[in-house]
Protein backbone atom coordinates (compact mmCIF):
# COMPACT_ATOMS: atom_id res chain seq x y z
CA MET A 1 0.08 35.27 -4.42
CA LYS A 2 0.59 32.14 -2.32
CA LYS A 3 -0.83 30.07 -5.17
CA CYS A 4 1.84 31.47 -7.53
CA TYR A 5 4.61 30.47 -5.09
CA LEU A 6 3.06 27.04 -4.67
CA ILE A 7 2.84 26.51 -8.45
CA LEU A 8 6.42 27.73 -8.90
CA LEU A 9 7.63 25.39 -6.14
CA LEU A 10 5.77 22.49 -7.75
CA LEU A 11 7.29 23.23 -11.19
CA VAL A 12 10.81 23.51 -9.77
CA SER A 13 10.50 20.29 -7.75
CA THR A 14 9.07 18.47 -10.78
CA TYR A 15 11.94 19.65 -12.95
CA THR A 16 14.62 18.66 -10.42
CA SER A 17 13.11 15.24 -9.71
CA ILE A 18 13.65 13.92 -13.23
CA ALA A 19 13.66 10.14 -13.51
CA GLN A 20 16.94 8.28 -13.45
CA ILE A 21 18.74 8.76 -16.76
CA GLU A 22 20.94 6.31 -18.58
CA ILE A 23 24.59 6.90 -17.76
CA ASN A 24 26.87 5.67 -20.51
CA PRO A 25 30.27 4.15 -19.66
CA ASN A 26 32.39 6.73 -21.54
CA HIS A 27 33.07 10.24 -20.35
CA ILE A 28 35.38 12.97 -21.66
CA TYR A 29 35.89 16.16 -19.66
CA PHE A 30 37.87 19.36 -19.39
CA GLU A 31 39.14 20.08 -15.91
CA ALA A 32 40.25 23.39 -14.45
CA PHE A 33 42.81 22.82 -11.72
CA GLY A 34 42.35 19.31 -10.28
CA THR A 35 44.52 16.30 -11.09
CA GLY A 36 46.12 17.76 -14.22
CA GLY A 37 47.51 20.88 -12.58
CA PHE A 38 46.05 24.10 -13.93
CA GLY A 39 44.11 22.45 -16.72
CA SER A 40 43.59 19.08 -18.36
CA ILE A 41 41.54 17.04 -20.78
CA GLN A 42 40.72 13.52 -19.63
CA TYR A 43 38.90 10.39 -20.77
CA GLU A 44 37.15 8.12 -18.28
CA ARG A 45 35.79 4.61 -18.82
CA GLN A 46 33.44 2.91 -16.37
CA LEU A 47 34.56 -0.68 -15.83
CA PHE A 48 31.47 -2.27 -14.26
CA GLU A 49 27.83 -1.24 -14.51
CA LYS A 50 26.84 -2.05 -10.93
CA THR A 51 29.87 -0.89 -8.95
CA ARG A 52 30.54 2.35 -10.88
CA LEU A 53 34.31 1.86 -10.76
CA SER A 54 36.16 3.68 -13.54
CA LEU A 55 39.64 4.36 -14.87
CA HIS A 56 40.68 7.70 -16.30
CA GLY A 57 43.67 9.14 -18.11
CA GLY A 58 44.59 12.33 -19.82
CA VAL A 59 46.97 15.18 -20.45
CA GLY A 60 47.34 18.23 -18.22
CA ALA A 61 49.46 21.32 -17.81
CA TYR A 62 50.89 23.04 -14.77
CA TYR A 63 53.29 25.86 -14.04
CA ASP A 64 56.19 26.14 -11.57
CA LEU A 65 58.90 28.29 -13.11
CA ASN A 66 58.01 27.02 -16.59
CA THR A 67 54.93 25.39 -18.14
CA TYR A 68 54.94 21.58 -18.15
CA VAL A 69 52.79 18.91 -19.74
CA SER A 70 51.80 16.03 -17.48
CA GLY A 71 50.24 12.62 -17.99
CA ILE A 72 47.41 11.55 -15.70
CA LEU A 73 46.23 8.09 -14.65
CA GLY A 74 43.66 7.30 -11.98
CA VAL A 75 40.78 5.29 -10.63
CA THR A 76 37.43 6.60 -9.33
CA TYR A 77 34.55 5.02 -7.44
CA LEU A 78 31.06 6.59 -7.57
CA GLN A 79 28.76 6.27 -4.56
CA HIS A 80 25.04 6.83 -5.14
CA THR A 81 23.33 9.62 -3.22
CA LYS A 82 19.67 10.09 -2.41
CA TRP A 83 19.45 12.45 -5.41
CA GLN A 84 19.09 10.76 -8.77
CA ASN A 85 22.00 11.09 -11.20
CA ARG A 86 24.22 12.65 -8.54
CA PHE A 87 27.15 10.85 -6.96
CA ILE A 88 29.85 11.29 -4.38
CA GLU A 89 33.15 10.21 -5.91
CA PHE A 90 36.27 8.85 -4.27
CA GLY A 91 39.46 8.37 -6.22
CA PHE A 92 43.18 8.22 -6.51
CA SER A 93 45.21 9.73 -9.36
CA MET A 94 48.83 9.99 -10.38
CA SER A 95 50.23 12.84 -12.44
CA PHE A 96 53.69 12.55 -13.95
CA THR A 97 56.00 14.72 -16.01
CA PRO A 98 58.61 12.62 -17.81
CA SER A 99 60.81 15.54 -18.90
CA GLU A 100 63.40 17.49 -16.96
CA THR A 101 61.60 19.79 -14.53
CA THR A 102 62.78 22.90 -12.73
CA TYR A 103 61.24 22.37 -9.33
CA TYR A 104 60.21 25.67 -7.67
CA SER A 105 63.72 27.17 -7.93
CA ALA A 106 66.24 27.49 -10.70
CA ASP A 107 68.80 25.58 -8.60
CA GLU A 108 66.78 22.40 -8.17
CA ILE A 109 66.30 20.38 -11.36
CA VAL A 110 64.47 17.06 -11.18
CA GLN A 111 64.32 14.37 -13.88
CA GLY A 112 60.56 13.80 -13.96
CA LEU A 113 58.04 14.77 -11.32
CA THR A 114 55.29 12.48 -10.00
CA ARG A 115 52.34 13.58 -7.85
CA TYR A 116 49.98 11.22 -6.04
CA MET A 117 46.50 12.61 -5.39
CA PRO A 118 43.64 11.09 -3.40
CA HIS A 119 40.41 13.01 -3.98
CA VAL A 120 36.77 13.24 -2.98
CA GLY A 121 34.15 15.07 -4.99
CA PHE A 122 30.61 15.48 -6.26
CA ARG A 123 29.37 14.52 -9.74
CA TRP A 124 26.09 15.34 -11.49
CA TYR A 125 24.87 13.80 -14.77
CA THR A 126 22.27 15.88 -16.63
CA PRO A 127 19.55 14.51 -18.94
CA LYS A 128 21.40 15.97 -21.96
CA LYS A 129 24.51 13.84 -21.17
CA TRP A 130 26.52 16.68 -19.61
CA VAL A 131 28.59 15.88 -16.54
CA TRP A 132 29.54 18.45 -13.90
CA ARG A 133 32.20 17.67 -11.30
CA ALA A 134 33.83 19.38 -8.34
CA SER A 135 36.52 17.75 -6.24
CA ALA A 136 38.93 18.39 -3.41
CA LEU A 137 42.27 16.64 -3.52
CA VAL A 138 45.64 16.55 -1.83
CA ALA A 139 48.73 16.40 -4.04
CA PHE A 140 51.78 14.64 -2.62
CA ASP A 141 55.14 15.01 -4.35
CA ARG A 142 58.65 14.69 -2.95
CA ASP A 143 58.54 16.78 0.25
CA GLU A 144 55.42 18.85 -0.45
CA THR A 145 51.74 18.35 0.35
CA LEU A 146 49.37 20.66 -1.48
CA PRO A 147 45.57 20.88 -0.99
CA TRP A 148 43.81 21.60 -4.28
CA LEU A 149 40.32 22.05 -5.77
CA GLY A 150 39.21 20.97 -9.22
CA PHE A 151 36.20 21.73 -11.38
CA SER A 152 35.26 20.05 -14.62
CA VAL A 153 32.59 19.82 -17.26
CA GLY A 154 32.31 16.99 -19.72
CA LYS A 155 30.16 14.87 -21.96
CA ASN A 156 28.91 11.35 -21.28
CA PHE A 157 28.68 9.10 -24.35
C-alpha cells in the first residue's frame, strides 16, 4: 500500500514540475469582479520580455442603481516565484465611466465616474496556454474606498 502512495506522489510531483513553458506576450481574459466591476473582458500586452511589465485595457460592467459600462486601463508587473510558470503580480488600474452616472442614490448624479485600483495577485500559466488569475484590489473613487477580489481565466497567444 505504501508503494502505491509513493508512486502516486511521484506521478503528481512529476506532473506539477513541468518544465518552464513559453509565455507569449499577448493575453486576453474574462474577469469576474476585479478591475472592471462585476465583469469584464480585457486584453494585455507584455512590453518587455525580461521585466514582465505589461499594459492592459478592456471593457467592464458594474451596477450601482443602474448597469454601467466602464473602460479599463492599467499596468501590471509580474514577479517570478519559486514555482515555474507562476507569478505574483502587482499593478495599478483605472476604470472610468464617461456617461452620466447615478451614484449610489437617485439624488446624486455624477458626470463620469473614475476609480483608481492598486492590486496584488497570483497568476498561473498552464502548458496549454491558459492563464488563471486571482487578485485583491482596493478601489478608490470620490469619497469611497472599497476592497475587492477578482478572478479571471484567459488565453495566452
